[in-house]
Amino acid sequence: MDSLRGRLAALVGRDVSLALVDGRRLDDCWLVSQPRARRVGTAWVVHGGEDVFVPVEAIADVWEDSRARSRAA
């Protein structure tokens, strides 16, 4: 389960950082959902209070962001 899709699935609902293939990073994101089928090719994250849909092909790496604030209210 070390594939990118597997790691995304394991991190749904958590604060994450994404490294993109173009060299950019999205830090302090909340991973709302990941692609459930190969035909659906985007991950949904909330970044800076905005919904962002990132194509899986554009994601080089994903990891849990331990610096992020807890989302529990």
PDB file of N, CA and C in Angstrom:
ATOM      1  N   MET A   1       0.834  -1.204   0.000  1.00  0.00           N
ATOM      2  CA  MET A   1       0.000   0.000   0.000  1.00  0.00           C
ATOM      3  C   MET A   1       0.869   1.254   0.000  1.00  0.00           C
ATOM      4  N   ASP A   2       2.030   1.161  -0.590  1.00  0.00           N
ATOM      5  CA  ASP A   2       2.929   2.306  -0.632  1.00  0.00           C
ATOM      6  C   ASP A   2       2.692   3.164  -1.870  1.00  0.00           C
ATOM      7  N   SER A   3       1.726   2.810  -2.684  1.00  0.00           N
ATOM      8  CA  SER A   3       1.440   3.627  -3.866  1.00  0.00           C
ATOM      9  C   SER A   3       0.911   4.984  -3.420  1.00  0.00           C
ATOM     10  N   LEU A   4       0.997   5.955  -4.294  1.00  0.00           N
ATOM     11  CA  LEU A   4       0.501   7.291  -3.988  1.00  0.00           C
ATOM     12  C   LEU A   4      -0.981   7.241  -3.642  1.00  0.00           C
ATOM     13  N   ARG A   5      -1.761   6.518  -4.411  1.00  0.00           N
ATOM     14  CA  ARG A   5      -3.200   6.417  -4.122  1.00  0.00           C
ATOM     15  C   ARG A   5      -3.439   5.768  -2.768  1.00  0.00           C
ATOM     16  N   GLY A   6      -2.644   4.780  -2.406  1.00  0.00           N
ATOM     17  CA  GLY A   6      -2.769   4.140  -1.102  1.00  0.00           C
ATOM     18  C   GLY A   6      -2.439   5.093   0.029  1.00  0.00           C
ATOM     19  N   ARG A   7      -1.393   5.886  -0.155  1.00  0.00           N
ATOM     20  CA  ARG A   7      -1.024   6.868   0.869  1.00  0.00           C
ATOM     21  C   ARG A   7      -2.084   7.951   0.993  1.00  0.00           C
ATOM     22  N   LEU A   8      -2.637   8.387  -0.144  1.00  0.00           N
ATOM     23  CA  LEU A   8      -3.726   9.363  -0.097  1.00  0.00           C
ATOM     24  C   LEU A   8      -4.911   8.797   0.682  1.00  0.00           C
ATOM     25  N   ALA A   9      -5.277   7.553   0.389  1.00  0.00           N
ATOM     26  CA  ALA A   9      -6.414   6.927   1.078  1.00  0.00           C
ATOM     27  C   ALA A   9      -6.181   6.887   2.583  1.00  0.00           C
ATOM     28  N   ALA A  10      -4.962   6.600   3.000  1.00  0.00           N
ATOM     29  CA  ALA A  10      -4.649   6.501   4.428  1.00  0.00           C
ATOM     30  C   ALA A  10      -4.672   7.860   5.125  1.00  0.00           C
ATOM     31  N   LEU A  11      -4.548   8.939   4.365  1.00  0.00           N
ATOM     32  CA  LEU A  11      -4.453  10.271   4.955  1.00  0.00           C
ATOM     33  C   LEU A  11      -5.729  11.098   4.845  1.00  0.00           C
ATOM     34  N   VAL A  12      -6.790  10.548   4.279  1.00  0.00           N
ATOM     35  CA  VAL A  12      -8.049  11.287   4.161  1.00  0.00           C
ATOM     36  C   VAL A  12      -8.503  11.725   5.552  1.00  0.00           C
ATOM     37  N   GLY A  13      -8.894  12.994   5.656  1.00  0.00           N
ATOM     38  CA  GLY A  13      -9.352  13.552   6.920  1.00  0.00           C
ATOM     39  C   GLY A  13      -8.244  14.121   7.781  1.00  0.00           C
ATOM     40  N   ARG A  14      -7.025  14.091   7.278  1.00  0.00           N
ATOM     41  CA  ARG A  14      -5.874  14.577   8.052  1.00  0.00           C
ATOM     42  C   ARG A  14      -5.260  15.808   7.396  1.00  0.00           C
ATOM     43  N   ASP A  15      -4.439  16.477   8.179  1.00  0.00           N
ATOM     44  CA  ASP A  15      -3.667  17.606   7.651  1.00  0.00           C
ATOM     45  C   ASP A  15      -2.459  17.049   6.920  1.00  0.00           C
ATOM     46  N   VAL A  16      -2.258  17.505   5.692  1.00  0.00           N
ATOM     47  CA  VAL A  16      -1.193  16.974   4.854  1.00  0.00           C
ATOM     48  C   VAL A  16      -0.432  18.094   4.153  1.00  0.00           C
ATOM     49  N   SER A  17       0.694  17.716   3.597  1.00  0.00           N
ATOM     50  CA  SER A  17       1.436  18.548   2.660  1.00  0.00           C
ATOM     51  C   SER A  17       1.571  17.748   1.375  1.00  0.00           C
ATOM     52  N   LEU A  18       1.529  18.460   0.257  1.00  0.00           N
ATOM     53  CA  LEU A  18       1.676  17.837  -1.054  1.00  0.00           C
ATOM     54  C   LEU A  18       2.884  18.438  -1.758  1.00  0.00           C
ATOM     55  N   ALA A  19       3.703  17.597  -2.341  1.00  0.00           N
ATOM     56  CA  ALA A  19       4.762  18.046  -3.248  1.00  0.00           C
ATOM     57  C   ALA A  19       4.239  17.768  -4.657  1.00  0.00           C
ATOM     58  N   LEU A  20       4.271  18.775  -5.495  1.00  0.00           N
ATOM     59  CA  LEU A  20       3.774  18.625  -6.860  1.00  0.00           C
ATOM     60  C   LEU A  20       4.928  18.382  -7.822  1.00  0.00           C
ATOM     61  N   VAL A  21       4.629  17.735  -8.932  1.00  0.00           N
ATOM     62  CA  VAL A  21       5.682  17.383  -9.886  1.00  0.00           C
ATOM     63  C   VAL A  21       6.358  18.607 -10.493  1.00  0.00           C
ATOM     64  N   ASP A  22       5.690  19.773 -10.477  1.00  0.00           N
ATOM     65  CA  ASP A  22       6.301  20.983 -11.043  1.00  0.00           C
ATOM     66  C   ASP A  22       7.199  21.708 -10.035  1.00  0.00           C
ATOM     67  N   GLY A  23       7.394  21.100  -8.839  1.00  0.00           N
ATOM     68  CA  GLY A  23       8.281  21.679  -7.841  1.00  0.00           C
ATOM     69  C   GLY A  23       7.568  22.491  -6.770  1.00  0.00           C
ATOM     70  N   ARG A  24       6.294  22.821  -6.980  1.00  0.00           N
ATOM     71  CA  ARG A  24       5.550  23.565  -5.961  1.00  0.00           C
ATOM     72  C   ARG A  24       5.139  22.642  -4.823  1.00  0.00           C
ATOM     73  N   ARG A  25       4.793  23.259  -3.685  1.00  0.00           N
ATOM     74  CA  ARG A  25       4.272  22.508  -2.539  1.00  0.00           C
ATOM     75  C   ARG A  25       3.007  23.173  -2.043  1.00  0.00           C
ATOM     76  N   LEU A  26       2.110  22.361  -1.555  1.00  0.00           N
ATOM     77  CA  LEU A  26       0.925  22.845  -0.863  1.00  0.00           C
ATOM     78  C   LEU A  26       1.034  22.330   0.566  1.00  0.00           C
ATOM     79  N   ASP A  27       1.357  23.227   1.486  1.00  0.00           N
ATOM     80  CA  ASP A  27       1.498  22.854   2.892  1.00  0.00           C
ATOM     81  C   ASP A  27       0.250  23.255   3.657  1.00  0.00           C
ATOM     82  N   ASP A  28       0.056  22.623   4.805  1.00  0.00           N
ATOM     83  CA  ASP A  28      -1.067  22.904   5.702  1.00  0.00           C
ATOM     84  C   ASP A  28      -2.401  22.785   4.968  1.00  0.00           C
ATOM     85  N   CYS A  29      -2.591  21.644   4.337  1.00  0.00           N
ATOM     86  CA  CYS A  29      -3.848  21.329   3.655  1.00  0.00           C
ATOM     87  C   CYS A  29      -4.625  20.322   4.482  1.00  0.00           C
ATOM     88  N   TRP A  30      -5.915  20.264   4.236  1.00  0.00           N
ATOM     89  CA  TRP A  30      -6.745  19.217   4.813  1.00  0.00           C
ATOM     90  C   TRP A  30      -7.210  18.357   3.654  1.00  0.00           C
ATOM     91  N   LEU A  31      -6.880  17.077   3.681  1.00  0.00           N
ATOM     92  CA  LEU A  31      -7.250  16.156   2.603  1.00  0.00           C
ATOM     93  C   LEU A  31      -8.682  15.694   2.821  1.00  0.00           C
ATOM     94  N   VAL A  32      -9.587  16.170   1.976  1.00  0.00           N
ATOM     95  CA  VAL A  32     -11.005  15.862   2.102  1.00  0.00           C
ATOM     96  C   VAL A  32     -11.319  14.509   1.487  1.00  0.00           C
ATOM     97  N   SER A  33     -10.838  14.278   0.274  1.00  0.00           N
ATOM     98  CA  SER A  33     -11.071  12.978  -0.365  1.00  0.00           C
ATOM     99  C   SER A  33      -9.979  12.702  -1.375  1.00  0.00           C
ATOM    100  N   GLN A  34      -9.865  11.444  -1.692  1.00  0.00           N
ATOM    101  CA  GLN A  34      -8.886  10.982  -2.674  1.00  0.00           C
ATOM    102  C   GLN A  34      -9.642  10.237  -3.759  1.00  0.00           C
ATOM    103  N   PRO A  35      -9.030  10.018  -4.902  1.00  0.00           N
ATOM    104  CA  PRO A  35      -9.696   9.292  -5.977  1.00  0.00           C
ATOM    105  C   PRO A  35     -10.051   7.879  -5.543  1.00  0.00           C
ATOM    106  N   ARG A  36     -11.295   7.494  -5.740  1.00  0.00           N
ATOM    107  CA  ARG A  36     -11.721   6.143  -5.362  1.00  0.00           C
ATOM    108  C   ARG A  36     -11.652   5.180  -6.526  1.00  0.00           C
ATOM    109  N   ALA A  37     -11.583   5.718  -7.703  1.00  0.00           N
ATOM    110  CA  ALA A  37     -11.485   4.884  -8.898  1.00  0.00           C
ATOM    111  C   ALA A  37     -10.459   5.511  -9.831  1.00  0.00           C
ATOM    112  N   ARG A  38      -9.859   4.716 -10.639  1.00  0.00           N
ATOM    113  CA  ARG A  38      -8.826   5.234 -11.561  1.00  0.00           C
ATOM    114  C   ARG A  38      -9.378   6.298 -12.502  1.00  0.00           C
ATOM    115  N   ARG A  39     -10.659   6.228 -12.810  1.00  0.00           N
ATOM    116  CA  ARG A  39     -11.236   7.201 -13.728  1.00  0.00           C
ATOM    117  C   ARG A  39     -11.415   8.580 -13.085  1.00  0.00           C
ATOM    118  N   VAL A  40     -11.420   8.629 -11.750  1.00  0.00           N
ATOM    119  CA  VAL A  40     -11.527   9.894 -11.032  1.00  0.00           C
ATOM    120  C   VAL A  40     -10.123  10.274 -10.609  1.00  0.00           C
ATOM    121  N   GLY A  41      -9.564  11.267 -11.259  1.00  0.00           N
ATOM    122  CA  GLY A  41      -8.150  11.526 -11.090  1.00  0.00           C
ATOM    123  C   GLY A  41      -7.764  12.731 -10.272  1.00  0.00           C
ATOM    124  N   THR A  42      -8.615  13.155  -9.302  1.00  0.00           N
ATOM    125  CA  THR A  42      -8.238  14.317  -8.504  1.00  0.00           C
ATOM    126  C   THR A  42      -8.380  14.038  -7.017  1.00  0.00           C
ATOM    127  N   ALA A  43      -7.507  14.677  -6.262  1.00  0.00           N
ATOM    128  CA  ALA A  43      -7.610  14.683  -4.808  1.00  0.00           C
ATOM    129  C   ALA A  43      -8.200  16.038  -4.416  1.00  0.00           C
ATOM    130  N   TRP A  44      -9.088  16.035  -3.447  1.00  0.00           N
ATOM    131  CA  TRP A  44      -9.734  17.262  -2.975  1.00  0.00           C
ATOM    132  C   TRP A  44      -9.085  17.661  -1.666  1.00  0.00           C
ATOM    133  N   VAL A  45      -8.490  18.850  -1.640  1.00  0.00           N
ATOM    134  CA  VAL A  45      -7.884  19.379  -0.427  1.00  0.00           C
ATOM    135  C   VAL A  45      -8.444  20.775  -0.159  1.00  0.00           C
ATOM    136  N   VAL A  46      -8.395  21.173   1.091  1.00  0.00           N
ATOM    137  CA  VAL A  46      -8.706  22.550   1.459  1.00  0.00           C
ATOM    138  C   VAL A  46      -7.376  23.193   1.804  1.00  0.00           C
ATOM    139  N   HIS A  47      -7.056  24.252   1.061  1.00  0.00           N
ATOM    140  CA  HIS A  47      -5.774  24.941   1.236  1.00  0.00           C
ATOM    141  C   HIS A  47      -6.056  26.437   1.333  1.00  0.00           C
ATOM    142  N   GLY A  48      -5.679  27.035   2.439  1.00  0.00           N
ATOM    143  CA  GLY A  48      -5.924  28.470   2.613  1.00  0.00           C
ATOM    144  C   GLY A  48      -7.404  28.799   2.630  1.00  0.00           C
ATOM    145  N   GLY A  49      -8.228  27.881   3.115  1.00  0.00           N
ATOM    146  CA  GLY A  49      -9.671  28.107   3.183  1.00  0.00           C
ATOM    147  C   GLY A  49     -10.403  27.897   1.875  1.00  0.00           C
ATOM    148  N   GLU A  50      -9.711  27.478   0.844  1.00  0.00           N
ATOM    149  CA  GLU A  50     -10.302  27.272  -0.481  1.00  0.00           C
ATOM    150  C   GLU A  50     -10.268  25.806  -0.868  1.00  0.00           C
ATOM    151  N   ASP A  51     -11.303  25.333  -1.549  1.00  0.00           N
ATOM    152  CA  ASP A  51     -11.304  23.985  -2.111  1.00  0.00           C
ATOM    153  C   ASP A  51     -10.366  23.950  -3.307  1.00  0.00           C
ATOM    154  N   VAL A  52      -9.487  22.963  -3.328  1.00  0.00           N
ATOM    155  CA  VAL A  52      -8.540  22.798  -4.427  1.00  0.00           C
ATOM    156  C   VAL A  52      -8.620  21.342  -4.883  1.00  0.00           C
ATOM    157  N   PHE A  53      -8.737  21.143  -6.173  1.00  0.00           N
ATOM    158  CA  PHE A  53      -8.793  19.804  -6.746  1.00  0.00           C
ATOM    159  C   PHE A  53      -7.500  19.584  -7.514  1.00  0.00           C
ATOM    160  N   VAL A  54      -6.684  18.667  -7.010  1.00  0.00           N
ATOM    161  CA  VAL A  54      -5.345  18.450  -7.553  1.00  0.00           C
ATOM    162  C   VAL A  54      -5.319  17.137  -8.329  1.00  0.00           C
ATOM    163  N   PRO A  55      -4.973  17.173  -9.612  1.00  0.00           N
ATOM    164  CA  PRO A  55      -4.857  15.915 -10.367  1.00  0.00           C
ATOM    165  C   PRO A  55      -3.805  15.010  -9.731  1.00  0.00           C
ATOM    166  N   VAL A  56      -4.131  13.743  -9.596  1.00  0.00           N
ATOM    167  CA  VAL A  56      -3.199  12.795  -8.979  1.00  0.00           C
ATOM    168  C   VAL A  56      -1.889  12.772  -9.751  1.00  0.00           C
ATOM    169  N   GLU A  57      -1.946  12.910 -11.050  1.00  0.00           N
ATOM    170  CA  GLU A  57      -0.736  12.906 -11.872  1.00  0.00           C
ATOM    171  C   GLU A  57       0.179  14.079 -11.538  1.00  0.00           C
ATOM    172  N   ALA A  58      -0.363  15.132 -10.904  1.00  0.00           N
ATOM    173  CA  ALA A  58       0.431  16.306 -10.548  1.00  0.00           C
ATOM    174  C   ALA A  58       1.067  16.177  -9.168  1.00  0.00           C
ATOM    175  N   ILE A  59       0.733  15.114  -8.423  1.00  0.00           N
ATOM    176  CA  ILE A  59       1.248  14.934  -7.068  1.00  0.00           C
ATOM    177  C   ILE A  59       2.469  14.020  -7.104  1.00  0.00           C
ATOM    178  N   ALA A  60       3.594  14.541  -6.624  1.00  0.00           N
ATOM    179  CA  ALA A  60       4.819  13.747  -6.552  1.00  0.00           C
ATOM    180  C   ALA A  60       4.916  12.998  -5.226  1.00  0.00           C
ATOM    181  N   ASP A  61       4.420  13.627  -4.140  1.00  0.00           N
ATOM    182  CA  ASP A  61       4.492  12.999  -2.820  1.00  0.00           C
ATOM    183  C   ASP A  61       3.446  13.624  -1.915  1.00  0.00           C
ATOM    184  N   VAL A  62       3.053  12.882  -0.884  1.00  0.00           N
ATOM    185  CA  VAL A  62       2.095  13.358   0.124  1.00  0.00           C
ATOM    186  C   VAL A  62       2.534  12.816   1.473  1.00  0.00           C
ATOM    187  N   TRP A  63       2.402  13.629   2.511  1.00  0.00           N
ATOM    188  CA  TRP A  63       2.748  13.182   3.848  1.00  0.00           C
ATOM    189  C   TRP A  63       1.894  13.955   4.847  1.00  0.00           C
ATOM    190  N   GLU A  64       1.758  13.374   6.049  1.00  0.00           N
ATOM    191  CA  GLU A  64       1.004  14.038   7.109  1.00  0.00           C
ATOM    192  C   GLU A  64       1.793  15.243   7.586  1.00  0.00           C
ATOM    193  N   ASP A  65       1.105  16.364   7.743  1.00  0.00           N
ATOM    194  CA  ASP A  65       1.737  17.612   8.160  1.00  0.00           C
ATOM    195  C   ASP A  65       1.597  17.745   9.665  1.00  0.00           C
ATOM    196  N   SER A  66       2.641  17.413  10.388  1.00  0.00           N
ATOM    197  CA  SER A  66       2.596  17.429  11.852  1.00  0.00           C
ATOM    198  C   SER A  66       2.566  18.847  12.413  1.00  0.00           C
ATOM    199  N   ARG A  67       2.883  19.835  11.607  1.00  0.00           N
ATOM    200  CA  ARG A  67       2.861  21.233  12.067  1.00  0.00           C
ATOM    201  C   ARG A  67       1.466  21.824  12.049  1.00  0.00           C
ATOM    202  N   ALA A  68       0.550  21.193  11.331  1.00  0.00           N
ATOM    203  CA  ALA A  68      -0.780  21.754  11.124  1.00  0.00           C
ATOM    204  C   ALA A  68      -1.600  21.750  12.410  1.00  0.00           C
ATOM    205  N   ARG A  69      -2.543  22.661  12.460  1.00  0.00           N
ATOM    206  CA  ARG A  69      -3.448  22.743  13.598  1.00  0.00           C
ATOM    207  C   ARG A  69      -4.439  21.606  13.584  1.00  0.00           C
ATOM    208  N   SER A  70      -4.916  21.240  14.742  1.00  0.00           N
ATOM    209  CA  SER A  70      -5.950  20.222  14.838  1.00  0.00           C
ATOM    210  C   SER A  70      -7.252  20.782  14.297  1.00  0.00           C
ATOM    211  N   ARG A  71      -7.967  19.997  13.524  1.00  0.00           N
ATOM    212  CA  ARG A  71      -9.249  20.429  12.967  1.00  0.00           C
ATOM    213  C   ARG A  71     -10.411  20.075  13.886  1.00  0.00           C
ATOM    214  N   ALA A  72     -10.142  19.366  14.970  1.00  0.00           N
ATOM    215  CA  ALA A  72     -11.220  19.001  15.890  1.00  0.00           C
ATOM    216  C   ALA A  72     -11.717  20.249  16.616  1.00  0.00           C
ATOM    217  N   ALA A  73     -13.040  20.385  16.698  1.00  0.00           N
ATOM    218  CA  ALA A  73     -13.603  21.582  17.337  1.00  0.00           C
ATOM    219  C   ALA A  73     -14.233  21.231  18.662  1.00  0.00           C
TER     220      ALA A  73
END
